[in-house]
Amino acid sequence: MRIKFSGSVILFKGLLLSALLVLMMAPSCTNSRNKTDHGKLIPEKKFVSILADIYVANGLLSLPEVRYKYNGRDSVLNYIDIIESYGYSYETMNNTMNYYFVSKPKKLIKLYDNVIRQLNEEQSAIQNEINKAEEGASRMAVNYNVFTLPDPERSGALTVNNILNPPGSYNLIFSVTVYPDDKSFNPHFTAYLIDADSTETGKKRWLPRVEYFKYGHLHQFNYMGRVETDRPAVMKIIFYNYENDISEWDKHARIEMISFSFIVDPL
């Protein structure tokens, strides 16, 4: 859920004013004095932050699921909780509001503008974090399907496992670029099937392999086939295999798994 702060200023003032009026009309302010003790006012910066939080709380309480959760609680108490979280009492907040409403109405308008500015800054910061998280997730999703060699952080062969529920047909689309300085002998793609309940000890059913060429150009492959057995199986794909003993730094290739699908035969 996101609350948009950058809407109409009139709407903002109306929503905030309604929350403040609820506070000022609460029973405990019937004993408030006509003259405000200036020594018991909340500092402007803190007052602005409290107003911002009250505005957000008022917006949240307008949502059905939130309103239902707090339905049995006096709404004034929710605002008082916010005030006390800043270390001030309800009476001090009431004194501060009375002071600005009665003595400094023009100053109160400027404080409204500061509240709007603070809310917009908070929204911008939150949106930036959301954007970073989304970009990170997108980058991870892309990087999961793109493999570059050498990759000293990876241990073992460049493999991907897919669980299949045959009988049915599989279709793998991937692209490969092997560069001329790659030192592997007979680089190739290969894959095998093995029963899902015996991946460590079961018999491997090897599938046709695809030879790579060290031209430095991208080649796209559409690798298709069928699995006739009716037992759950694992298709282990080895994207980069070779027939000599080389170090990780002797490899030079880029492989992208574009898509993989398995279509189960209709009953």
Protein backbone atom coordinates (compact mmCIF):
# COMPACT_ATOMS: atom_id res chain seq x y z
CA MET A 1 0.00 0.00 0.00
CA ARG A 2 1.26 3.50 -0.83
CA ILE A 3 -0.11 6.84 0.30
CA LYS A 4 0.40 9.65 -2.17
CA PHE A 5 1.34 12.90 -0.45
CA SER A 6 1.73 15.10 -3.50
CA GLY A 7 -1.96 15.59 -4.24
CA SER A 8 -4.08 18.66 -3.71
CA VAL A 9 -2.89 21.03 -0.97
CA ILE A 10 -6.53 21.88 -0.20
CA LEU A 11 -7.32 18.19 0.32
CA PHE A 12 -4.27 17.83 2.55
CA LYS A 13 -5.26 20.78 4.72
CA GLY A 14 -8.82 19.50 4.97
CA LEU A 15 -7.72 16.03 6.10
CA LEU A 16 -5.20 17.37 8.57
CA LEU A 17 -7.59 19.99 9.91
CA SER A 18 -10.26 17.36 10.51
CA ALA A 19 -7.79 15.33 12.60
CA LEU A 20 -6.70 18.41 14.57
CA LEU A 21 -10.29 19.43 15.25
CA VAL A 22 -10.96 15.98 16.64
CA LEU A 23 -8.08 16.52 19.05
CA MET A 24 -9.15 20.03 20.02
CA MET A 25 -12.76 18.98 20.61
CA ALA A 26 -11.78 16.07 22.86
CA PRO A 27 -13.16 16.31 26.43
CA SER A 28 -9.75 16.98 27.95
CA CYS A 29 -9.45 20.35 26.21
CA THR A 30 -12.53 21.84 27.87
CA ASN A 31 -10.25 22.94 30.68
CA SER A 32 -7.73 24.67 28.41
CA ARG A 33 -6.88 28.23 29.32
CA ASN A 34 -7.65 31.21 27.13
CA LYS A 35 -4.02 32.30 27.28
CA THR A 36 -1.36 29.89 26.15
CA ASP A 37 1.81 29.42 28.12
CA HIS A 38 4.48 29.94 25.44
CA GLY A 39 6.93 27.94 27.51
CA LYS A 40 4.85 24.83 26.95
CA LEU A 41 4.77 24.88 23.16
CA ILE A 42 6.20 22.14 20.97
CA PRO A 43 9.17 23.39 18.90
CA GLU A 44 8.27 24.07 15.27
CA LYS A 45 10.38 21.27 13.80
CA LYS A 46 8.88 18.65 16.11
CA PHE A 47 5.41 20.12 15.65
CA VAL A 48 5.72 19.75 11.87
CA SER A 49 6.82 16.11 12.23
CA ILE A 50 3.89 15.36 14.53
CA LEU A 51 1.46 16.99 12.08
CA ALA A 52 2.93 14.88 9.25
CA ASP A 53 2.47 11.67 11.23
CA ILE A 54 -1.08 12.65 12.20
CA TYR A 55 -1.89 13.22 8.53
CA VAL A 56 -0.52 9.80 7.57
CA ALA A 57 -2.41 8.17 10.46
CA ASN A 58 -5.63 9.90 9.40
CA GLY A 59 -5.16 8.55 5.89
CA LEU A 60 -4.48 5.04 7.16
CA LEU A 61 -7.54 5.10 9.40
CA SER A 62 -9.68 5.84 6.34
CA LEU A 63 -8.78 2.44 4.89
CA PRO A 64 -11.46 -0.20 5.64
CA GLU A 65 -9.02 -2.89 6.80
CA VAL A 66 -7.24 -0.49 9.17
CA ARG A 67 -10.46 1.13 10.39
CA TYR A 68 -11.90 -2.31 11.16
CA LYS A 69 -8.82 -3.26 13.20
CA TYR A 70 -9.06 -0.11 15.36
CA ASN A 71 -12.83 0.16 15.30
CA GLY A 72 -13.21 -0.41 19.04
CA ARG A 73 -10.66 2.27 19.98
CA ASP A 74 -11.30 5.98 20.45
CA SER A 75 -9.76 7.70 17.42
CA VAL A 76 -8.33 10.45 19.64
CA LEU A 77 -6.17 7.85 21.39
CA ASN A 78 -4.49 6.98 18.10
CA TYR A 79 -3.41 10.60 17.66
CA ILE A 80 -2.34 10.86 21.31
CA ASP A 81 -0.10 7.82 20.80
CA ILE A 82 1.70 9.73 18.04
CA ILE A 83 2.13 12.83 20.20
CA GLU A 84 3.49 10.84 23.14
CA SER A 85 5.91 8.95 20.86
CA TYR A 86 7.68 12.31 20.41
CA GLY A 87 7.87 12.81 24.18
CA TYR A 88 5.05 15.36 24.50
CA SER A 89 1.72 15.25 26.27
CA TYR A 90 -1.70 15.82 24.78
CA GLU A 91 -2.00 19.04 26.79
CA THR A 92 1.23 20.40 25.28
CA MET A 93 0.00 19.57 21.79
CA ASN A 94 -3.32 21.24 22.55
CA ASN A 95 -1.54 24.37 23.82
CA THR A 96 0.55 24.49 20.66
CA MET A 97 -2.45 24.11 18.36
CA ASN A 98 -4.44 26.75 20.24
CA TYR A 99 -1.50 29.14 20.03
CA TYR A 100 -1.19 28.88 16.25
CA PHE A 101 -4.93 28.81 15.54
CA VAL A 102 -5.62 31.88 17.69
CA SER A 103 -2.42 33.91 17.64
CA LYS A 104 -0.45 32.87 14.55
CA PRO A 105 -2.83 31.69 11.78
CA LYS A 106 -0.50 32.89 9.01
CA LYS A 107 2.39 31.05 10.63
CA LEU A 108 0.21 27.95 10.75
CA ILE A 109 -0.19 28.11 6.98
CA LYS A 110 3.59 28.17 6.61
CA LEU A 111 3.81 25.16 8.91
CA TYR A 112 1.31 23.38 6.67
CA ASP A 113 3.66 24.02 3.76
CA ASN A 114 6.55 22.57 5.77
CA VAL A 115 4.46 19.48 6.53
CA ILE A 116 3.73 19.02 2.83
CA ARG A 117 7.43 19.44 2.05
CA GLN A 118 8.40 16.84 4.67
CA LEU A 119 5.80 14.37 3.43
CA ASN A 120 6.98 14.79 -0.14
CA GLU A 121 10.59 14.25 0.92
CA GLU A 122 9.60 11.10 2.82
CA GLN A 123 7.63 9.82 -0.15
CA SER A 124 10.56 10.52 -2.45
CA ALA A 125 12.94 8.64 -0.14
CA ILE A 126 10.55 5.69 0.11
CA GLN A 127 10.05 5.64 -3.66
CA ASN A 128 13.81 5.68 -4.20
CA GLU A 129 14.18 2.65 -1.92
CA ILE A 130 11.36 0.88 -3.77
CA ASN A 131 13.01 1.66 -7.10
CA LYS A 132 16.35 0.34 -5.85
CA ALA A 133 14.71 -2.85 -4.59
CA GLU A 134 12.85 -3.36 -7.87
CA GLU A 135 15.98 -2.69 -9.90
CA GLY A 136 17.92 -5.12 -7.71
CA ALA A 137 15.28 -7.82 -8.12
CA SER A 138 15.18 -7.24 -11.87
CA ARG A 139 18.98 -7.39 -12.06
CA MET A 140 19.02 -10.62 -10.08
CA ALA A 141 16.39 -12.13 -12.38
CA VAL A 142 18.43 -11.17 -15.44
CA ASN A 143 21.72 -12.31 -13.97
CA TYR A 144 20.21 -15.65 -13.04
CA ASN A 145 19.68 -16.39 -16.72
CA VAL A 146 22.91 -14.88 -18.01
CA PHE A 147 26.24 -16.63 -17.43
CA THR A 148 29.61 -15.13 -18.24
CA LEU A 149 32.91 -16.98 -18.14
CA PRO A 150 35.29 -16.82 -16.45
CA ASP A 151 33.33 -16.67 -13.20
CA PRO A 152 35.62 -17.39 -10.23
CA GLU A 153 32.75 -17.01 -7.76
CA ARG A 154 30.90 -20.03 -9.15
CA SER A 155 31.89 -23.51 -8.03
CA GLY A 156 31.38 -26.53 -10.27
CA ALA A 157 30.02 -26.80 -13.78
CA LEU A 158 27.60 -24.31 -15.28
CA THR A 159 24.37 -26.28 -14.82
CA VAL A 160 20.63 -25.72 -14.41
CA ASN A 161 18.12 -28.31 -13.16
CA ASN A 162 14.48 -28.49 -14.25
CA ILE A 163 11.89 -30.80 -12.70
CA LEU A 164 9.60 -32.45 -15.25
CA ASN A 165 6.36 -34.37 -14.89
CA PRO A 166 6.26 -36.48 -18.08
CA PRO A 167 5.14 -37.63 -20.48
CA GLY A 168 5.49 -34.43 -22.42
CA SER A 169 7.70 -32.19 -24.55
CA TYR A 170 10.39 -29.72 -23.53
CA ASN A 171 11.65 -26.67 -25.37
CA LEU A 172 14.79 -24.80 -24.32
CA ILE A 173 15.88 -21.61 -26.07
CA PHE A 174 19.35 -20.29 -25.28
CA SER A 175 22.11 -18.27 -26.88
CA VAL A 176 25.86 -18.81 -26.75
CA THR A 177 28.94 -16.77 -27.60
CA VAL A 178 32.31 -18.51 -27.29
CA TYR A 179 35.26 -16.21 -27.94
CA PRO A 180 38.36 -17.15 -29.98
CA ASP A 181 40.67 -16.96 -26.96
CA ASP A 182 38.65 -19.58 -25.05
CA LYS A 183 41.02 -22.50 -24.33
CA SER A 184 38.45 -25.29 -23.93
CA PHE A 185 38.64 -28.32 -26.24
CA ASN A 186 35.37 -29.19 -27.99
CA PRO A 187 33.15 -26.84 -25.98
CA HIS A 188 29.54 -28.02 -26.12
CA PHE A 189 26.11 -28.14 -24.54
CA THR A 190 24.73 -31.35 -23.14
CA ALA A 191 21.95 -32.54 -20.85
CA TYR A 192 20.58 -35.69 -19.29
CA LEU A 193 17.42 -36.99 -17.64
CA ILE A 194 17.34 -38.82 -14.34
CA ASP A 195 14.51 -40.03 -12.12
CA ALA A 196 13.60 -37.36 -9.56
CA ASP A 197 13.65 -39.85 -6.67
CA SER A 198 17.20 -41.04 -7.40
CA THR A 199 19.19 -38.07 -8.63
CA GLU A 200 22.37 -39.25 -6.91
CA THR A 201 22.33 -42.94 -7.85
CA GLY A 202 19.92 -43.23 -10.77
CA LYS A 203 20.81 -43.95 -14.36
CA LYS A 204 21.50 -40.92 -16.53
CA ARG A 205 19.76 -40.80 -19.91
CA TRP A 206 21.97 -38.54 -22.00
CA LEU A 207 20.39 -36.24 -24.56
CA PRO A 208 21.96 -35.08 -27.85
CA ARG A 209 24.71 -32.54 -27.41
CA VAL A 210 25.22 -29.25 -29.24
CA GLU A 211 28.68 -28.25 -30.44
CA TYR A 212 29.92 -24.69 -29.97
CA PHE A 213 32.21 -22.75 -32.29
CA LYS A 214 34.77 -20.17 -31.16
CA TYR A 215 33.80 -17.46 -33.58
CA GLY A 216 32.99 -14.77 -31.03
CA HIS A 217 29.51 -14.41 -32.53
CA LEU A 218 26.20 -15.04 -30.80
CA HIS A 219 24.34 -18.19 -31.80
CA GLN A 220 20.79 -18.96 -30.67
CA PHE A 221 19.61 -22.55 -30.25
CA ASN A 222 16.13 -24.06 -29.97
CA TYR A 223 16.61 -27.37 -28.15
CA MET A 224 13.49 -29.57 -28.23
CA GLY A 225 12.62 -33.14 -27.31
CA ARG A 226 10.20 -35.52 -25.61
CA VAL A 227 10.17 -37.47 -22.38
CA GLU A 228 8.08 -40.62 -22.67
CA THR A 229 8.33 -41.98 -19.15
CA ASP A 230 5.50 -41.37 -16.71
CA ARG A 231 7.80 -40.91 -13.70
CA PRO A 232 8.84 -37.46 -12.39
CA ALA A 233 12.27 -36.63 -13.76
CA VAL A 234 14.99 -34.02 -13.49
CA MET A 235 16.51 -32.56 -16.63
CA LYS A 236 20.04 -31.46 -15.80
CA ILE A 237 21.39 -28.98 -18.32
CA ILE A 238 25.14 -28.46 -18.67
CA PHE A 239 25.51 -25.28 -20.67
CA TYR A 240 29.29 -25.30 -20.95
CA ASN A 241 31.10 -28.61 -21.13
CA TYR A 242 34.52 -29.44 -22.59
CA GLU A 243 37.04 -32.27 -22.94
CA ASN A 244 40.29 -30.96 -21.48
CA ASP A 245 41.66 -29.77 -18.16
CA ILE A 246 41.63 -25.96 -17.98
CA SER A 247 41.40 -23.33 -15.28
CA GLU A 248 38.47 -20.97 -14.84
CA TRP A 249 40.53 -18.13 -16.30
CA ASP A 250 41.05 -20.12 -19.53
CA LYS A 251 37.31 -19.93 -20.28
CA HIS A 252 35.77 -17.09 -22.25
CA ALA A 253 32.08 -17.33 -23.12
CA ARG A 254 28.68 -15.80 -22.56
CA ILE A 255 25.54 -17.94 -22.30
CA GLU A 256 21.94 -16.80 -21.83
CA MET A 257 19.03 -19.10 -21.03
CA ILE A 258 16.18 -17.31 -22.79
CA SER A 259 13.31 -19.66 -21.91
CA PHE A 260 12.45 -23.18 -20.86
CA SER A 261 9.03 -24.82 -21.12
CA PHE A 262 7.64 -28.29 -20.62
CA ILE A 263 4.23 -29.17 -22.01
CA VAL A 264 2.61 -32.19 -20.37
CA ASP A 265 0.67 -34.50 -22.68
CA PRO A 266 -3.11 -34.16 -22.27
CA LEU A 267 -4.83 -36.97 -20.39
